[in-house]
Amino acid sequence: MAALGYLIVAGAVMGLLGLAGWRYGFALSAAVLAGGTATLTYRGLQPGQERGLWTATAVVASVVVAGVLVDVSPPSREVLAQRMNSLGLPYRRVSERESGHSWCIPGCPVVEAVFRAPPVNPRGPMVDAISALARHHFLDHNSATKLLAGLSTHLTASSGRVHVDVSAESMTGAGGDWVRLDIRLAGRR
């Protein structure tokens, strides 16, 4: 009974904190949950009560709960930043900002980057951004195709636990003309 209570309480705490959304979150969650429930189950049973079977069952239940936690937790800022860096856009990054927490109080994790593209039609960098987002599974193939067909200078889409906003606009300044490409990746529950 103590093992079930531990699994429920530890799972709820991990879910609220969004620990499973961290890098290696599944392994961390599964290890903590399985270790605790296995220990409590084994110690809570008397010899001859099929300790091995019940302990193995507790470990399997812990791994299932860890999988559910990964499914419902938003990705951490570090994971979003890593995914932003993997886009491989051919433009110079002007700035990047990170905010929020995996427990989504006051807000879920967000990574925003501003890129400086050459002075072309803003739709050109949008095509590059949509292609990179589709390549890295932020957009499915059908969504990317529809977005490219009705291409504008602003895009909003969601994929799994990540919400994506992309915009492009022509800029003029002391440094000359350029296109500002903004990409925002936000984790969500």
Foldseek 3Di string as FASTA:
>chain_A
DVLVVCLVVLLVVCLLQLQLQEVCSLVVQLCVSLVSSLVCQLVVDDPPPPSVVVSVVSSVVSSVSSVVSNQRWWHALVVVVVLVVVLPDPFAWPDKDWDAGRSQVVHFIKIKIKTWAAQDPLLVVVLSNLVSCCVSQQDPPVVSVVCNVVPDQWDWDGGRQKTKIWGWDWDQDPVGITIIIMIMIGGHD
